[in-house]
Amino acid sequence: MQEFSKILVTVDVTDPSFGAPGGPGQQVEALAQVVSGTYRQQQRPAQVTVITVVPDGQPHADAVVEAARKSLTERFVPLMDAGEVEVLVNVGVPFVEVIREVLRGGHDLVVVSARRSAKARGVIVSNMATQLIRQCPCPVWVTPRHPTPQGQGSVLSAIALDHGPTARVLSLSASIAALSGRKWNVLHVPEYPLEGGMRLRNVDAAEVQSYEEECREKAWAEMHSLTDGLAAEAGVEVKLWMAEGRPSDQIVEAEDKLEAALIVLGTINRGGLAGALLGSTAERAIARARSSVLAVKPDDFVCPV
């Protein structure tokens, strides 16, 4: 079973949804709910740390830090059922300080709230969540706008068979499904690397179709080889799905059809300008998804912080 032993929860105490007069808003409640559920589902107690970051250069910095610490301790920590919680207030660039704390403390999960629009399909993801997805070395769990009733919804693994941390995505998904009592679904959108060249060479349509069918058959076989053993070991049933089209579109469609409460997917390690652009499958899916999203880095990821 894959579990989390050191969970780092990042909270923006300046977010209006945190400091609402009537108490923390639904996004904050959803954040606390995800942390509480994850903590309870570990077979061995996890260590939970809550962090907020105060931007550098604030006037009366010491007073601001103490106010932030008090706000976390009194307004957020009581919302969680997570045992004894450590509270940290750092000063600096928020996402950089969170990543530095991950590296210092050896945390194996970061949980962050996504600041979205109030529409059903929000397209606004906080800068914190985006930067952590791109640069944080450990898995990043982005929570939804609204709390989800415990036990409802499925775990949806969105996998690419030829790149990314597929094995880690599936292992975590199987464990989470087993520990939370949720159904487990696995989605793959097949790729046809030779198809473009075949069409340029005016290859017969029947040959192109045969090639695509061969790719799908190989993908089904690989999906079974990757998931059957994990499902048996975890004691859960897994259902495999394949869809055609743009991966981020298919992930969002599957989220609705399969009533996903959590989407688990991998990110691709990219450097240079491409790595700085908002455009990967993971980022597009997170920007549109209504449920939680757990983004997992590849094994060869090099943290730039």
C-alpha atoms as a PDB file:
ATOM      1  CA  MET A   1       0.000   0.000   0.000  1.00  0.00           C
ATOM      2  CA  GLN A   2       1.280   3.448  -0.948  1.00  0.00           C
ATOM      3  CA  GLU A   3       0.712   5.907   1.895  1.00  0.00           C
ATOM      4  CA  PHE A   4       1.670   9.426   2.907  1.00  0.00           C
ATOM      5  CA  SER A   5       3.696   9.931   6.076  1.00  0.00           C
ATOM      6  CA  LYS A   6       4.371  13.708   6.068  1.00  0.00           C
ATOM      7  CA  ILE A   7       1.601  15.954   4.724  1.00  0.00           C
ATOM      8  CA  LEU A   8       2.190  19.679   4.142  1.00  0.00           C
ATOM      9  CA  VAL A   9      -0.965  21.805   3.866  1.00  0.00           C
ATOM     10  CA  THR A  10      -0.581  25.264   2.378  1.00  0.00           C
ATOM     11  CA  VAL A  11      -3.154  27.900   3.337  1.00  0.00           C
ATOM     12  CA  ASP A  12      -3.493  31.488   2.135  1.00  0.00           C
ATOM     13  CA  VAL A  13      -4.832  33.358   5.164  1.00  0.00           C
ATOM     14  CA  THR A  14      -5.323  36.497   3.010  1.00  0.00           C
ATOM     15  CA  ASP A  15      -7.771  34.707   0.696  1.00  0.00           C
ATOM     16  CA  PRO A  16     -11.270  36.238   1.117  1.00  0.00           C
ATOM     17  CA  SER A  17     -12.741  32.718   1.351  1.00  0.00           C
ATOM     18  CA  PHE A  18     -10.533  32.118   4.399  1.00  0.00           C
ATOM     19  CA  GLY A  19     -11.274  35.293   6.311  1.00  0.00           C
ATOM     20  CA  ALA A  20     -15.013  35.563   5.635  1.00  0.00           C
ATOM     21  CA  PRO A  21     -16.941  37.103   8.564  1.00  0.00           C
ATOM     22  CA  GLY A  22     -19.152  34.023   8.919  1.00  0.00           C
ATOM     23  CA  GLY A  23     -16.158  31.698   9.057  1.00  0.00           C
ATOM     24  CA  PRO A  24     -13.961  30.047   6.437  1.00  0.00           C
ATOM     25  CA  GLY A  25     -15.672  29.507   3.112  1.00  0.00           C
ATOM     26  CA  GLN A  26     -16.376  26.266   1.279  1.00  0.00           C
ATOM     27  CA  GLN A  27     -12.983  26.141  -0.437  1.00  0.00           C
ATOM     28  CA  VAL A  28     -11.276  26.227   2.957  1.00  0.00           C
ATOM     29  CA  GLU A  29     -13.681  23.593   4.312  1.00  0.00           C
ATOM     30  CA  ALA A  30     -12.947  21.392   1.286  1.00  0.00           C
ATOM     31  CA  LEU A  31      -9.213  21.770   1.937  1.00  0.00           C
ATOM     32  CA  ALA A  32      -9.636  20.725   5.571  1.00  0.00           C
ATOM     33  CA  GLN A  33     -11.887  17.824   4.554  1.00  0.00           C
ATOM     34  CA  VAL A  34      -9.332  16.398   2.112  1.00  0.00           C
ATOM     35  CA  VAL A  35      -6.568  16.613   4.720  1.00  0.00           C
ATOM     36  CA  SER A  36      -8.753  14.994   7.407  1.00  0.00           C
ATOM     37  CA  GLY A  37      -9.816  12.179   5.104  1.00  0.00           C
ATOM     38  CA  THR A  38      -6.267  11.522   3.925  1.00  0.00           C
ATOM     39  CA  TYR A  39      -4.990  11.522   7.520  1.00  0.00           C
ATOM     40  CA  ARG A  40      -7.651   9.066   8.706  1.00  0.00           C
ATOM     41  CA  GLN A  41      -7.046   6.704   5.789  1.00  0.00           C
ATOM     42  CA  GLN A  42      -3.346   6.138   6.525  1.00  0.00           C
ATOM     43  CA  GLN A  43      -2.641   2.817   8.202  1.00  0.00           C
ATOM     44  CA  ARG A  44       0.042   4.544  10.263  1.00  0.00           C
ATOM     45  CA  PRO A  45      -0.444   8.086  11.654  1.00  0.00           C
ATOM     46  CA  ALA A  46       0.834  10.773   9.323  1.00  0.00           C
ATOM     47  CA  GLN A  47       2.531  13.967  10.450  1.00  0.00           C
ATOM     48  CA  VAL A  48       0.533  17.020   9.327  1.00  0.00           C
ATOM     49  CA  THR A  49       2.072  20.481   8.990  1.00  0.00           C
ATOM     50  CA  VAL A  50       0.112  23.598   8.020  1.00  0.00           C
ATOM     51  CA  ILE A  51       2.028  26.447   6.409  1.00  0.00           C
ATOM     52  CA  THR A  52       1.180  29.959   5.287  1.00  0.00           C
ATOM     53  CA  VAL A  53       3.648  32.356   3.692  1.00  0.00           C
ATOM     54  CA  VAL A  54       3.751  36.086   4.370  1.00  0.00           C
ATOM     55  CA  PRO A  55       5.236  38.089   1.477  1.00  0.00           C
ATOM     56  CA  ASP A  56       8.588  39.690   2.245  1.00  0.00           C
ATOM     57  CA  GLY A  57       8.753  43.432   2.856  1.00  0.00           C
ATOM     58  CA  GLN A  58       5.512  43.757   4.823  1.00  0.00           C
ATOM     59  CA  PRO A  59       5.384  46.674   7.285  1.00  0.00           C
ATOM     60  CA  HIS A  60       5.293  45.519  10.910  1.00  0.00           C
ATOM     61  CA  ALA A  61       6.454  42.089   9.751  1.00  0.00           C
ATOM     62  CA  ASP A  62       6.586  40.499  13.219  1.00  0.00           C
ATOM     63  CA  ALA A  63       2.993  41.496  13.953  1.00  0.00           C
ATOM     64  CA  VAL A  64       1.854  40.191  10.555  1.00  0.00           C
ATOM     65  CA  VAL A  65       3.547  36.836  11.173  1.00  0.00           C
ATOM     66  CA  GLU A  66       1.949  36.467  14.600  1.00  0.00           C
ATOM     67  CA  ALA A  67      -1.477  37.438  13.233  1.00  0.00           C
ATOM     68  CA  ALA A  68      -1.107  34.831  10.484  1.00  0.00           C
ATOM     69  CA  ARG A  69      -0.075  32.166  13.004  1.00  0.00           C
ATOM     70  CA  LYS A  70      -3.055  32.990  15.224  1.00  0.00           C
ATOM     71  CA  SER A  71      -5.413  32.903  12.258  1.00  0.00           C
ATOM     72  CA  LEU A  72      -4.193  29.448  11.205  1.00  0.00           C
ATOM     73  CA  THR A  73      -4.292  28.073  14.745  1.00  0.00           C
ATOM     74  CA  GLU A  74      -7.747  29.389  15.586  1.00  0.00           C
ATOM     75  CA  ARG A  75      -9.575  29.342  12.240  1.00  0.00           C
ATOM     76  CA  PHE A  76      -8.127  26.477  10.189  1.00  0.00           C
ATOM     77  CA  VAL A  77      -6.552  23.822  12.402  1.00  0.00           C
ATOM     78  CA  PRO A  78      -9.830  23.178  14.335  1.00  0.00           C
ATOM     79  CA  LEU A  79     -11.525  22.319  11.025  1.00  0.00           C
ATOM     80  CA  MET A  80      -9.270  19.282  10.592  1.00  0.00           C
ATOM     81  CA  ASP A  81      -9.306  15.873  12.214  1.00  0.00           C
ATOM     82  CA  ALA A  82      -5.575  15.300  11.840  1.00  0.00           C
ATOM     83  CA  GLY A  83      -4.096  14.686  15.275  1.00  0.00           C
ATOM     84  CA  GLU A  84      -1.392  17.044  16.483  1.00  0.00           C
ATOM     85  CA  VAL A  85      -0.730  19.652  13.780  1.00  0.00           C
ATOM     86  CA  GLU A  86       2.427  21.750  13.399  1.00  0.00           C
ATOM     87  CA  VAL A  87       1.849  25.361  12.302  1.00  0.00           C
ATOM     88  CA  LEU A  88       4.474  27.282  10.290  1.00  0.00           C
ATOM     89  CA  VAL A  89       4.519  30.885   9.078  1.00  0.00           C
ATOM     90  CA  ASN A  90       7.327  31.605   6.611  1.00  0.00           C
ATOM     91  CA  VAL A  91       8.318  34.858   4.928  1.00  0.00           C
ATOM     92  CA  GLY A  92       9.134  35.106   1.220  1.00  0.00           C
ATOM     93  CA  VAL A  93       7.697  34.059  -2.140  1.00  0.00           C
ATOM     94  CA  PRO A  94       4.785  31.724  -1.277  1.00  0.00           C
ATOM     95  CA  PHE A  95       5.331  28.799  -3.666  1.00  0.00           C
ATOM     96  CA  VAL A  96       9.120  28.938  -3.213  1.00  0.00           C
ATOM     97  CA  GLU A  97       8.819  28.782   0.573  1.00  0.00           C
ATOM     98  CA  VAL A  98       6.402  25.839   0.347  1.00  0.00           C
ATOM     99  CA  ILE A  99       8.817  23.917  -1.880  1.00  0.00           C
ATOM    100  CA  ARG A 100      11.733  24.740   0.404  1.00  0.00           C
ATOM    101  CA  GLU A 101       9.730  23.379   3.324  1.00  0.00           C
ATOM    102  CA  VAL A 102       9.051  20.184   1.339  1.00  0.00           C
ATOM    103  CA  LEU A 103      12.782  19.778   0.780  1.00  0.00           C
ATOM    104  CA  ARG A 104      13.716  20.620   4.378  1.00  0.00           C
ATOM    105  CA  GLY A 105      11.055  18.479   5.986  1.00  0.00           C
ATOM    106  CA  GLY A 106      10.945  15.538   3.586  1.00  0.00           C
ATOM    107  CA  HIS A 107       7.198  15.902   2.999  1.00  0.00           C
ATOM    108  CA  ASP A 108       5.683  13.375   0.590  1.00  0.00           C
ATOM    109  CA  LEU A 109       2.413  15.222  -0.128  1.00  0.00           C
ATOM    110  CA  VAL A 110       1.402  18.876  -0.511  1.00  0.00           C
ATOM    111  CA  VAL A 111      -2.281  19.795  -0.291  1.00  0.00           C
ATOM    112  CA  VAL A 112      -3.353  23.142  -1.734  1.00  0.00           C
ATOM    113  CA  SER A 113      -6.666  24.825  -2.481  1.00  0.00           C
ATOM    114  CA  ALA A 114      -7.368  25.955  -6.047  1.00  0.00           C
ATOM    115  CA  ARG A 115      -8.864  29.430  -6.240  1.00  0.00           C
ATOM    116  CA  ARG A 116     -11.546  29.061  -8.907  1.00  0.00           C
ATOM    117  CA  SER A 117     -14.382  31.158 -10.262  1.00  0.00           C
ATOM    118  CA  ALA A 118     -17.823  30.632  -8.771  1.00  0.00           C
ATOM    119  CA  LYS A 119     -19.073  29.063 -12.023  1.00  0.00           C
ATOM    120  CA  ALA A 120     -19.669  25.317 -12.222  1.00  0.00           C
ATOM    121  CA  ARG A 121     -16.704  25.006 -14.584  1.00  0.00           C
ATOM    122  CA  GLY A 122     -14.154  27.432 -13.156  1.00  0.00           C
ATOM    123  CA  VAL A 123     -11.055  28.112 -15.248  1.00  0.00           C
ATOM    124  CA  ILE A 124      -9.076  30.053 -12.655  1.00  0.00           C
ATOM    125  CA  VAL A 125      -6.335  28.122 -10.877  1.00  0.00           C
ATOM    126  CA  SER A 126      -4.307  29.905  -8.229  1.00  0.00           C
ATOM    127  CA  ASN A 127      -0.715  30.810  -9.013  1.00  0.00           C
ATOM    128  CA  MET A 128       0.297  28.788  -5.943  1.00  0.00           C
ATOM    129  CA  ALA A 129      -1.325  25.599  -7.258  1.00  0.00           C
ATOM    130  CA  THR A 130       0.066  26.110 -10.755  1.00  0.00           C
ATOM    131  CA  GLN A 131       3.621  26.681  -9.568  1.00  0.00           C
ATOM    132  CA  LEU A 132       3.513  23.721  -7.192  1.00  0.00           C
ATOM    133  CA  ILE A 133       2.240  21.438  -9.956  1.00  0.00           C
ATOM    134  CA  ARG A 134       5.176  22.539 -12.107  1.00  0.00           C
ATOM    135  CA  GLN A 135       7.976  22.709  -9.561  1.00  0.00           C
ATOM    136  CA  CYS A 136       7.223  20.821  -6.330  1.00  0.00           C
ATOM    137  CA  PRO A 137       9.081  17.472  -6.192  1.00  0.00           C
ATOM    138  CA  CYS A 138       6.380  15.536  -4.315  1.00  0.00           C
ATOM    139  CA  PRO A 139       2.749  14.843  -5.322  1.00  0.00           C
ATOM    140  CA  VAL A 140       0.444  17.880  -5.157  1.00  0.00           C
ATOM    141  CA  TRP A 141      -3.213  17.419  -4.191  1.00  0.00           C
ATOM    142  CA  VAL A 142      -5.376  20.302  -5.463  1.00  0.00           C
ATOM    143  CA  THR A 143      -8.683  20.388  -3.595  1.00  0.00           C
ATOM    144  CA  PRO A 144     -12.078  21.375  -5.079  1.00  0.00           C
ATOM    145  CA  ARG A 145     -14.233  24.436  -4.429  1.00  0.00           C
ATOM    146  CA  HIS A 146     -16.803  22.505  -2.435  1.00  0.00           C
ATOM    147  CA  PRO A 147     -16.607  19.689   0.152  1.00  0.00           C
ATOM    148  CA  THR A 148     -17.469  16.188  -1.113  1.00  0.00           C
ATOM    149  CA  PRO A 149     -19.521  13.799   1.050  1.00  0.00           C
ATOM    150  CA  GLN A 150     -17.187  11.160   2.463  1.00  0.00           C
ATOM    151  CA  GLY A 151     -17.195   7.929   0.474  1.00  0.00           C
ATOM    152  CA  GLN A 152     -19.022   9.344  -2.530  1.00  0.00           C
ATOM    153  CA  GLY A 153     -17.478   9.402  -5.986  1.00  0.00           C
ATOM    154  CA  SER A 154     -14.761   7.311  -7.584  1.00  0.00           C
ATOM    155  CA  VAL A 155     -10.991   7.521  -8.000  1.00  0.00           C
ATOM    156  CA  LEU A 156     -10.118   8.195 -11.648  1.00  0.00           C
ATOM    157  CA  SER A 157      -6.566   7.489 -12.843  1.00  0.00           C
ATOM    158  CA  ALA A 158      -5.694   9.270 -16.089  1.00  0.00           C
ATOM    159  CA  ILE A 159      -2.624   7.572 -17.539  1.00  0.00           C
ATOM    160  CA  ALA A 160      -0.262   7.821 -20.502  1.00  0.00           C
ATOM    161  CA  LEU A 161       1.425   4.521 -21.268  1.00  0.00           C
ATOM    162  CA  ASP A 162       4.541   5.801 -23.023  1.00  0.00           C
ATOM    163  CA  HIS A 163       5.634   8.591 -20.659  1.00  0.00           C
ATOM    164  CA  GLY A 164       5.072  10.062 -17.227  1.00  0.00           C
ATOM    165  CA  PRO A 165       4.939   8.419 -13.795  1.00  0.00           C
ATOM    166  CA  THR A 166       2.273   5.877 -14.750  1.00  0.00           C
ATOM    167  CA  ALA A 167       3.276   3.214 -12.214  1.00  0.00           C
ATOM    168  CA  ARG A 168       3.253   5.731  -9.353  1.00  0.00           C
ATOM    169  CA  VAL A 169      -0.120   7.127 -10.454  1.00  0.00           C
ATOM    170  CA  LEU A 170      -1.670   3.667 -10.489  1.00  0.00           C
ATOM    171  CA  SER A 171      -0.108   2.548  -7.212  1.00  0.00           C
ATOM    172  CA  LEU A 172      -1.350   5.651  -5.388  1.00  0.00           C
ATOM    173  CA  SER A 173      -4.776   5.352  -6.998  1.00  0.00           C
ATOM    174  CA  ALA A 174      -5.207   1.724  -5.956  1.00  0.00           C
ATOM    175  CA  SER A 175      -4.208   2.536  -2.377  1.00  0.00           C
ATOM    176  CA  ILE A 176      -6.493   5.557  -2.143  1.00  0.00           C
ATOM    177  CA  ALA A 177      -9.426   3.605  -3.603  1.00  0.00           C
ATOM    178  CA  ALA A 178      -8.875   0.767  -1.135  1.00  0.00           C
ATOM    179  CA  LEU A 179      -8.396   2.986   1.921  1.00  0.00           C
ATOM    180  CA  SER A 180     -11.303   5.306   1.077  1.00  0.00           C
ATOM    181  CA  GLY A 181     -13.725   2.616  -0.096  1.00  0.00           C
ATOM    182  CA  ARG A 182     -14.179   4.301  -3.485  1.00  0.00           C
ATOM    183  CA  LYS A 183     -14.510   2.685  -6.913  1.00  0.00           C
ATOM    184  CA  TRP A 184     -11.399   2.748  -9.112  1.00  0.00           C
ATOM    185  CA  ASN A 185     -11.478   3.709 -12.791  1.00  0.00           C
ATOM    186  CA  VAL A 186      -8.498   3.988 -15.146  1.00  0.00           C
ATOM    187  CA  LEU A 187      -8.647   6.108 -18.316  1.00  0.00           C
ATOM    188  CA  HIS A 188      -6.199   6.099 -21.214  1.00  0.00           C
ATOM    189  CA  VAL A 189      -6.361   8.177 -24.384  1.00  0.00           C
ATOM    190  CA  PRO A 190      -4.335   6.270 -27.004  1.00  0.00           C
ATOM    191  CA  GLU A 191      -1.783   7.922 -29.247  1.00  0.00           C
ATOM    192  CA  TYR A 192      -0.930   6.954 -32.827  1.00  0.00           C
ATOM    193  CA  PRO A 193       2.615   8.223 -33.439  1.00  0.00           C
ATOM    194  CA  LEU A 194       2.860   6.915 -36.998  1.00  0.00           C
ATOM    195  CA  GLU A 195      -0.585   8.015 -38.153  1.00  0.00           C
ATOM    196  CA  GLY A 196       0.417  11.489 -39.331  1.00  0.00           C
ATOM    197  CA  GLY A 197       3.179  10.156 -41.540  1.00  0.00           C
ATOM    198  CA  MET A 198       0.900   7.439 -42.928  1.00  0.00           C
ATOM    199  CA  ARG A 199      -1.713   9.985 -43.962  1.00  0.00           C
ATOM    200  CA  LEU A 200       0.931  12.235 -45.555  1.00  0.00           C
ATOM    201  CA  ARG A 201       2.065   9.269 -47.630  1.00  0.00           C
ATOM    202  CA  ASN A 202      -1.557   8.634 -48.660  1.00  0.00           C
ATOM    203  CA  VAL A 203      -1.565   5.203 -47.054  1.00  0.00           C
ATOM    204  CA  ASP A 204      -4.825   3.353 -47.632  1.00  0.00           C
ATOM    205  CA  ALA A 205      -7.500   4.187 -45.025  1.00  0.00           C
ATOM    206  CA  ALA A 206      -7.962   0.518 -44.174  1.00  0.00           C
ATOM    207  CA  GLU A 207      -4.252   0.227 -43.337  1.00  0.00           C
ATOM    208  CA  VAL A 208      -4.441   3.308 -41.112  1.00  0.00           C
ATOM    209  CA  GLN A 209      -7.462   1.842 -39.347  1.00  0.00           C
ATOM    210  CA  SER A 210      -5.669  -1.460 -38.874  1.00  0.00           C
ATOM    211  CA  TYR A 211      -2.696   0.369 -37.368  1.00  0.00           C
ATOM    212  CA  GLU A 212      -4.968   2.240 -34.936  1.00  0.00           C
ATOM    213  CA  GLU A 213      -6.687  -0.993 -33.883  1.00  0.00           C
ATOM    214  CA  GLU A 214      -3.291  -2.593 -33.257  1.00  0.00           C
ATOM    215  CA  CYS A 215      -2.277   0.367 -31.056  1.00  0.00           C
ATOM    216  CA  ARG A 216      -5.496   0.081 -29.056  1.00  0.00           C
ATOM    217  CA  GLU A 217      -5.099  -3.670 -28.576  1.00  0.00           C
ATOM    218  CA  LYS A 218      -1.562  -3.173 -27.274  1.00  0.00           C
ATOM    219  CA  ALA A 219      -2.798  -0.416 -24.969  1.00  0.00           C
ATOM    220  CA  TRP A 220      -5.559  -2.618 -23.525  1.00  0.00           C
ATOM    221  CA  ALA A 221      -3.056  -5.402 -22.853  1.00  0.00           C
ATOM    222  CA  GLU A 222      -0.621  -3.008 -21.166  1.00  0.00           C
ATOM    223  CA  MET A 223      -3.382  -1.442 -19.066  1.00  0.00           C
ATOM    224  CA  HIS A 224      -4.374  -4.878 -17.790  1.00  0.00           C
ATOM    225  CA  SER A 225      -0.770  -5.812 -17.036  1.00  0.00           C
ATOM    226  CA  LEU A 226      -0.303  -2.614 -15.042  1.00  0.00           C
ATOM    227  CA  THR A 227      -3.560  -2.696 -13.067  1.00  0.00           C
ATOM    228  CA  ASP A 228      -4.700  -6.300 -12.535  1.00  0.00           C
ATOM    229  CA  GLY A 229      -2.037  -7.124  -9.955  1.00  0.00           C
ATOM    230  CA  LEU A 230      -2.432  -3.807  -8.123  1.00  0.00           C
ATOM    231  CA  ALA A 231      -6.204  -4.233  -7.907  1.00  0.00           C
ATOM    232  CA  ALA A 232      -5.866  -7.775  -6.543  1.00  0.00           C
ATOM    233  CA  GLU A 233      -3.249  -6.703  -3.996  1.00  0.00           C
ATOM    234  CA  ALA A 234      -5.340  -3.740  -2.828  1.00  0.00           C
ATOM    235  CA  GLY A 235      -8.570  -5.725  -2.816  1.00  0.00           C
ATOM    236  CA  VAL A 236     -10.430  -3.369  -5.152  1.00  0.00           C
ATOM    237  CA  GLU A 237     -12.146  -3.771  -8.508  1.00  0.00           C
ATOM    238  CA  VAL A 238     -10.694  -1.746 -11.364  1.00  0.00           C
ATOM    239  CA  LYS A 239     -12.539  -0.713 -14.516  1.00  0.00           C
ATOM    240  CA  LEU A 240     -10.524   0.260 -17.585  1.00  0.00           C
ATOM    241  CA  TRP A 241     -11.643   2.875 -20.093  1.00  0.00           C
ATOM    242  CA  MET A 242     -10.280   4.160 -23.381  1.00  0.00           C
ATOM    243  CA  ALA A 243     -11.355   7.326 -25.179  1.00  0.00           C
ATOM    244  CA  GLU A 244     -10.392   9.180 -28.347  1.00  0.00           C
ATOM    245  CA  GLY A 245      -9.585  12.887 -28.499  1.00  0.00           C
ATOM    246  CA  ARG A 246      -7.707  15.525 -26.578  1.00  0.00           C
ATOM    247  CA  PRO A 247      -6.619  13.995 -23.242  1.00  0.00           C
ATOM    248  CA  SER A 248      -7.664  16.943 -21.050  1.00  0.00           C
ATOM    249  CA  ASP A 249     -11.126  16.999 -22.680  1.00  0.00           C
ATOM    250  CA  GLN A 250     -11.570  13.271 -22.164  1.00  0.00           C
ATOM    251  CA  ILE A 251     -10.455  13.495 -18.516  1.00  0.00           C
ATOM    252  CA  VAL A 252     -13.086  16.147 -17.795  1.00  0.00           C
ATOM    253  CA  GLU A 253     -15.778  14.148 -19.613  1.00  0.00           C
ATOM    254  CA  ALA A 254     -14.834  11.001 -17.682  1.00  0.00           C
ATOM    255  CA  GLU A 255     -14.945  12.977 -14.436  1.00  0.00           C
ATOM    256  CA  ASP A 256     -18.660  13.585 -15.039  1.00  0.00           C
ATOM    257  CA  LYS A 257     -19.563  10.176 -16.459  1.00  0.00           C
ATOM    258  CA  LEU A 258     -17.726   8.205 -13.763  1.00  0.00           C
ATOM    259  CA  GLU A 259     -18.649  10.590 -10.917  1.00  0.00           C
ATOM    260  CA  ALA A 260     -15.029  11.081  -9.924  1.00  0.00           C
ATOM    261  CA  ALA A 261     -14.207  12.579  -6.533  1.00  0.00           C
ATOM    262  CA  LEU A 262     -10.469  12.434  -7.230  1.00  0.00           C
ATOM    263  CA  ILE A 263      -8.474  12.484 -10.463  1.00  0.00           C
ATOM    264  CA  VAL A 264      -4.918  11.133 -10.234  1.00  0.00           C
ATOM    265  CA  LEU A 265      -2.597  11.960 -13.112  1.00  0.00           C
ATOM    266  CA  GLY A 266       1.057  12.423 -13.929  1.00  0.00           C
ATOM    267  CA  THR A 267       2.931  15.486 -15.098  1.00  0.00           C
ATOM    268  CA  ILE A 268       5.668  15.519 -17.711  1.00  0.00           C
ATOM    269  CA  ASN A 269       9.104  16.825 -16.792  1.00  0.00           C
ATOM    270  CA  ARG A 270       9.747  19.697 -19.185  1.00  0.00           C
ATOM    271  CA  GLY A 271      12.535  22.239 -19.123  1.00  0.00           C
ATOM    272  CA  GLY A 272      13.049  25.665 -20.645  1.00  0.00           C
ATOM    273  CA  LEU A 273      10.202  27.759 -21.999  1.00  0.00           C
ATOM    274  CA  ALA A 274       7.861  24.795 -22.501  1.00  0.00           C
ATOM    275  CA  GLY A 275       8.056  23.986 -18.816  1.00  0.00           C
ATOM    276  CA  ALA A 276       7.009  27.518 -17.934  1.00  0.00           C
ATOM    277  CA  LEU A 277       3.874  27.583 -20.058  1.00  0.00           C
ATOM    278  CA  LEU A 278       0.447  26.718 -18.748  1.00  0.00           C
ATOM    279  CA  GLY A 279      -0.577  24.069 -21.214  1.00  0.00           C
ATOM    280  CA  SER A 280       0.172  20.544 -20.085  1.00  0.00           C
ATOM    281  CA  THR A 281      -2.578  17.943 -19.858  1.00  0.00           C
ATOM    282  CA  ALA A 282      -2.380  18.048 -16.069  1.00  0.00           C
ATOM    283  CA  GLU A 283      -2.725  21.818 -15.883  1.00  0.00           C
ATOM    284  CA  ARG A 284      -5.582  21.967 -18.391  1.00  0.00           C
ATOM    285  CA  ALA A 285      -7.456  19.217 -16.569  1.00  0.00           C
ATOM    286  CA  ILE A 286      -6.962  20.858 -13.170  1.00  0.00           C
ATOM    287  CA  ALA A 287      -8.178  24.195 -14.533  1.00  0.00           C
ATOM    288  CA  ARG A 288     -11.478  22.608 -15.589  1.00  0.00           C
ATOM    289  CA  ALA A 289     -12.080  19.798 -13.115  1.00  0.00           C
ATOM    290  CA  ARG A 290     -14.592  20.178 -10.300  1.00  0.00           C
ATOM    291  CA  SER A 291     -13.189  17.364  -8.169  1.00  0.00           C
ATOM    292  CA  SER A 292      -9.849  16.990  -6.392  1.00  0.00           C
ATOM    293  CA  VAL A 293      -6.786  16.414  -8.574  1.00  0.00           C
ATOM    294  CA  LEU A 294      -3.626  14.656  -7.421  1.00  0.00           C
ATOM    295  CA  ALA A 295      -0.659  15.513  -9.687  1.00  0.00           C
ATOM    296  CA  VAL A 296       2.351  13.177  -9.568  1.00  0.00           C
ATOM    297  CA  LYS A 297       5.861  13.966 -10.844  1.00  0.00           C
ATOM    298  CA  PRO A 298       8.005  11.577 -12.914  1.00  0.00           C
ATOM    299  CA  ASP A 299      10.904   9.794 -11.211  1.00  0.00           C
ATOM    300  CA  ASP A 300      13.486  11.868 -13.084  1.00  0.00           C
ATOM    301  CA  PHE A 301      11.983  15.214 -12.072  1.00  0.00           C
ATOM    302  CA  VAL A 302      14.587  17.750 -10.959  1.00  0.00           C
ATOM    303  CA  CYS A 303      13.262  20.410  -8.599  1.00  0.00           C
ATOM    304  CA  PRO A 304      14.358  23.873  -9.812  1.00  0.00           C
ATOM    305  CA  VAL A 305      14.094  25.455  -6.344  1.00  0.00           C
END
